[in-house]
N, C-alpha and C. Protein backbone atom coordinates (compact mmCIF):
# COMPACT_ATOMS: atom_id res chain seq x y z
N MET A 1 -79.46 46.02 -81.10
CA MET A 1 -80.26 45.02 -81.77
C MET A 1 -81.70 45.20 -81.29
N PRO A 2 -82.66 45.21 -82.20
CA PRO A 2 -84.06 45.34 -81.79
C PRO A 2 -84.47 44.17 -80.90
N SER A 3 -85.41 44.46 -80.01
CA SER A 3 -85.81 43.44 -79.04
C SER A 3 -86.49 42.24 -79.68
N PHE A 4 -87.19 42.46 -80.81
CA PHE A 4 -87.88 41.33 -81.42
C PHE A 4 -86.91 40.31 -81.99
N ILE A 5 -85.73 40.76 -82.41
CA ILE A 5 -84.73 39.83 -82.95
C ILE A 5 -84.18 38.95 -81.83
N SER A 6 -83.91 39.55 -80.68
CA SER A 6 -83.40 38.74 -79.57
C SER A 6 -84.44 37.75 -79.08
N LYS A 7 -85.73 38.13 -79.15
CA LYS A 7 -86.79 37.20 -78.76
C LYS A 7 -86.89 36.06 -79.75
N ILE A 8 -86.70 36.37 -81.04
CA ILE A 8 -86.75 35.33 -82.05
C ILE A 8 -85.59 34.35 -81.87
N MET A 9 -84.42 34.90 -81.55
CA MET A 9 -83.23 34.07 -81.40
C MET A 9 -83.25 33.33 -80.06
N GLY A 10 -84.11 33.73 -79.14
CA GLY A 10 -84.20 33.05 -77.86
C GLY A 10 -83.18 33.52 -76.84
N ASN A 11 -82.48 34.60 -77.12
CA ASN A 11 -81.48 35.13 -76.19
C ASN A 11 -82.08 36.29 -75.43
N SER A 12 -82.00 36.24 -74.11
CA SER A 12 -82.48 37.37 -73.33
C SER A 12 -81.35 38.37 -73.10
N VAL A 13 -80.10 37.94 -73.26
CA VAL A 13 -78.94 38.81 -73.09
C VAL A 13 -78.21 38.86 -74.42
N SER A 14 -77.92 40.06 -74.87
CA SER A 14 -77.26 40.19 -76.16
C SER A 14 -75.77 39.87 -76.03
N LEU A 15 -75.15 39.65 -77.15
CA LEU A 15 -73.71 39.37 -77.16
C LEU A 15 -72.92 40.57 -76.68
N GLU A 16 -73.41 41.76 -76.99
CA GLU A 16 -72.72 42.97 -76.53
C GLU A 16 -72.73 43.05 -75.01
N ASP A 17 -73.88 42.70 -74.41
CA ASP A 17 -73.96 42.69 -72.95
C ASP A 17 -73.01 41.66 -72.35
N GLU A 18 -72.93 40.50 -72.96
CA GLU A 18 -72.01 39.46 -72.48
C GLU A 18 -70.56 39.92 -72.59
N LEU A 19 -70.24 40.60 -73.68
CA LEU A 19 -68.88 41.11 -73.86
C LEU A 19 -68.53 42.13 -72.79
N ILE A 20 -69.47 43.01 -72.50
CA ILE A 20 -69.26 44.01 -71.44
C ILE A 20 -69.07 43.32 -70.10
N ASN A 21 -69.90 42.33 -69.82
CA ASN A 21 -69.76 41.60 -68.55
C ASN A 21 -68.42 40.90 -68.44
N LEU A 22 -67.96 40.33 -69.54
CA LEU A 22 -66.65 39.66 -69.52
C LEU A 22 -65.52 40.65 -69.29
N ARG A 23 -65.62 41.81 -69.89
CA ARG A 23 -64.58 42.84 -69.69
C ARG A 23 -64.56 43.30 -68.25
N LEU A 24 -65.75 43.53 -67.67
CA LEU A 24 -65.82 43.96 -66.27
C LEU A 24 -65.25 42.89 -65.34
N THR A 25 -65.58 41.65 -65.59
CA THR A 25 -65.08 40.55 -64.77
C THR A 25 -63.56 40.45 -64.88
N SER A 26 -63.05 40.64 -66.08
CA SER A 26 -61.60 40.59 -66.28
C SER A 26 -60.91 41.68 -65.47
N LYS A 27 -61.47 42.89 -65.50
CA LYS A 27 -60.88 43.99 -64.73
C LYS A 27 -60.95 43.71 -63.23
N GLN A 28 -62.06 43.13 -62.78
CA GLN A 28 -62.18 42.80 -61.36
C GLN A 28 -61.13 41.77 -60.95
N MET A 29 -60.91 40.79 -61.80
CA MET A 29 -59.90 39.77 -61.49
C MET A 29 -58.50 40.37 -61.47
N GLN A 30 -58.23 41.31 -62.36
CA GLN A 30 -56.92 41.95 -62.37
C GLN A 30 -56.72 42.77 -61.09
N ARG A 31 -57.78 43.46 -60.65
CA ARG A 31 -57.69 44.22 -59.40
C ARG A 31 -57.47 43.29 -58.21
N ALA A 32 -58.18 42.18 -58.20
CA ALA A 32 -58.03 41.21 -57.11
C ALA A 32 -56.62 40.63 -57.10
N SER A 33 -56.06 40.42 -58.29
CA SER A 33 -54.70 39.90 -58.38
C SER A 33 -53.69 40.90 -57.81
N LYS A 34 -53.87 42.17 -58.14
CA LYS A 34 -52.96 43.19 -57.60
C LYS A 34 -53.07 43.28 -56.09
N LYS A 35 -54.28 43.14 -55.57
CA LYS A 35 -54.48 43.18 -54.13
C LYS A 35 -53.77 42.00 -53.46
N CYS A 36 -53.87 40.83 -54.08
CA CYS A 36 -53.20 39.65 -53.54
C CYS A 36 -51.68 39.81 -53.59
N GLU A 37 -51.18 40.40 -54.66
CA GLU A 37 -49.73 40.64 -54.75
C GLU A 37 -49.27 41.59 -53.66
N LYS A 38 -50.09 42.61 -53.37
CA LYS A 38 -49.76 43.56 -52.31
C LYS A 38 -49.73 42.84 -50.96
N ASN A 39 -50.73 41.99 -50.72
CA ASN A 39 -50.77 41.22 -49.47
C ASN A 39 -49.58 40.26 -49.37
N GLU A 40 -49.18 39.70 -50.50
CA GLU A 40 -48.02 38.80 -50.51
C GLU A 40 -46.75 39.55 -50.10
N LYS A 41 -46.57 40.75 -50.65
CA LYS A 41 -45.39 41.54 -50.30
C LYS A 41 -45.38 41.90 -48.82
N ALA A 42 -46.55 42.19 -48.27
CA ALA A 42 -46.64 42.50 -46.85
C ALA A 42 -46.28 41.27 -46.02
N ALA A 43 -46.74 40.10 -46.44
CA ALA A 43 -46.43 38.86 -45.72
C ALA A 43 -44.94 38.55 -45.79
N VAL A 44 -44.32 38.81 -46.94
CA VAL A 44 -42.89 38.56 -47.07
C VAL A 44 -42.10 39.50 -46.16
N THR A 45 -42.55 40.75 -46.07
CA THR A 45 -41.89 41.71 -45.17
C THR A 45 -41.99 41.23 -43.72
N LYS A 46 -43.19 40.78 -43.33
CA LYS A 46 -43.37 40.26 -41.97
C LYS A 46 -42.54 39.00 -41.76
N LEU A 47 -42.42 38.20 -42.80
CA LEU A 47 -41.62 36.97 -42.73
C LEU A 47 -40.16 37.31 -42.45
N LYS A 48 -39.62 38.27 -43.17
CA LYS A 48 -38.22 38.65 -42.97
C LYS A 48 -38.00 39.19 -41.56
N LYS A 49 -38.96 39.98 -41.09
CA LYS A 49 -38.84 40.53 -39.74
C LYS A 49 -38.89 39.42 -38.69
N ALA A 50 -39.77 38.45 -38.88
CA ALA A 50 -39.88 37.33 -37.93
C ALA A 50 -38.61 36.49 -37.93
N ILE A 51 -38.00 36.30 -39.10
CA ILE A 51 -36.75 35.53 -39.17
C ILE A 51 -35.64 36.26 -38.43
N GLN A 52 -35.58 37.58 -38.62
CA GLN A 52 -34.54 38.36 -37.94
C GLN A 52 -34.71 38.32 -36.42
N GLN A 53 -35.96 38.23 -35.96
CA GLN A 53 -36.21 38.19 -34.52
C GLN A 53 -36.09 36.78 -33.96
N GLY A 54 -35.91 35.79 -34.83
CA GLY A 54 -35.78 34.41 -34.37
C GLY A 54 -37.11 33.75 -34.08
N ASN A 55 -38.18 34.31 -34.58
CA ASN A 55 -39.53 33.77 -34.35
C ASN A 55 -39.85 32.79 -35.48
N SER A 56 -39.47 31.53 -35.29
CA SER A 56 -39.62 30.55 -36.37
C SER A 56 -41.09 30.18 -36.63
N GLU A 57 -41.89 30.11 -35.56
CA GLU A 57 -43.31 29.76 -35.75
C GLU A 57 -44.04 30.88 -36.50
N GLY A 58 -43.79 32.11 -36.11
CA GLY A 58 -44.39 33.24 -36.82
C GLY A 58 -43.91 33.31 -38.26
N ALA A 59 -42.64 33.02 -38.47
CA ALA A 59 -42.08 33.03 -39.83
C ALA A 59 -42.77 31.98 -40.70
N ARG A 60 -43.03 30.83 -40.11
CA ARG A 60 -43.70 29.75 -40.86
C ARG A 60 -45.12 30.20 -41.28
N ILE A 61 -45.81 30.84 -40.37
CA ILE A 61 -47.17 31.31 -40.67
C ILE A 61 -47.14 32.37 -41.76
N TYR A 62 -46.22 33.33 -41.66
CA TYR A 62 -46.12 34.37 -42.68
C TYR A 62 -45.71 33.79 -44.03
N ALA A 63 -44.87 32.78 -44.01
CA ALA A 63 -44.47 32.14 -45.27
C ALA A 63 -45.67 31.45 -45.92
N GLN A 64 -46.49 30.78 -45.11
CA GLN A 64 -47.70 30.15 -45.65
C GLN A 64 -48.65 31.19 -46.22
N ASP A 65 -48.78 32.32 -45.52
CA ASP A 65 -49.63 33.40 -46.02
C ASP A 65 -49.13 33.93 -47.36
N ALA A 66 -47.81 34.12 -47.45
CA ALA A 66 -47.23 34.65 -48.69
C ALA A 66 -47.45 33.68 -49.85
N ILE A 67 -47.27 32.40 -49.59
CA ILE A 67 -47.48 31.39 -50.64
C ILE A 67 -48.95 31.35 -51.07
N ARG A 68 -49.84 31.42 -50.10
CA ARG A 68 -51.28 31.38 -50.41
C ARG A 68 -51.68 32.61 -51.24
N GLU A 69 -51.18 33.78 -50.87
CA GLU A 69 -51.51 35.01 -51.61
C GLU A 69 -50.94 34.96 -53.03
N LYS A 70 -49.75 34.41 -53.17
CA LYS A 70 -49.15 34.29 -54.51
C LYS A 70 -50.00 33.38 -55.39
N ASN A 71 -50.42 32.24 -54.84
CA ASN A 71 -51.26 31.31 -55.60
C ASN A 71 -52.61 31.95 -55.95
N GLN A 72 -53.17 32.70 -55.00
CA GLN A 72 -54.44 33.36 -55.26
C GLN A 72 -54.30 34.41 -56.36
N ALA A 73 -53.20 35.15 -56.36
CA ALA A 73 -52.97 36.15 -57.42
C ALA A 73 -52.87 35.48 -58.78
N LEU A 74 -52.17 34.35 -58.83
CA LEU A 74 -52.04 33.63 -60.10
C LEU A 74 -53.39 33.08 -60.57
N ASN A 75 -54.18 32.59 -59.62
CA ASN A 75 -55.52 32.09 -59.99
C ASN A 75 -56.42 33.21 -60.52
N CYS A 76 -56.33 34.38 -59.90
CA CYS A 76 -57.13 35.51 -60.38
C CYS A 76 -56.73 35.90 -61.80
N LEU A 77 -55.44 35.90 -62.07
CA LEU A 77 -54.98 36.24 -63.42
C LEU A 77 -55.42 35.17 -64.41
N ARG A 78 -55.40 33.94 -63.98
CA ARG A 78 -55.81 32.85 -64.86
C ARG A 78 -57.30 32.96 -65.21
N LEU A 79 -58.12 33.35 -64.23
CA LEU A 79 -59.54 33.48 -64.47
C LEU A 79 -59.87 34.74 -65.27
N GLY A 80 -59.06 35.80 -65.08
CA GLY A 80 -59.34 37.07 -65.73
C GLY A 80 -58.81 37.08 -67.07
């Protein structure tokens, strides 16, 4: 779009630029969600190990971490 049209319309950012930004943000959120899912799986693995060793306090902490990472992954997908 020619620059004079965007000045007339009062937009400094074109719709195409906004669309590109939205796509990039969506991809970033999807990557962040996958990272959170990976962290959740690691926390669950640590949780199982702590339960087998009888470490209830450590298991509780790992369980909280796993729940937090799961919620964060869902929030990232919701935003993306």
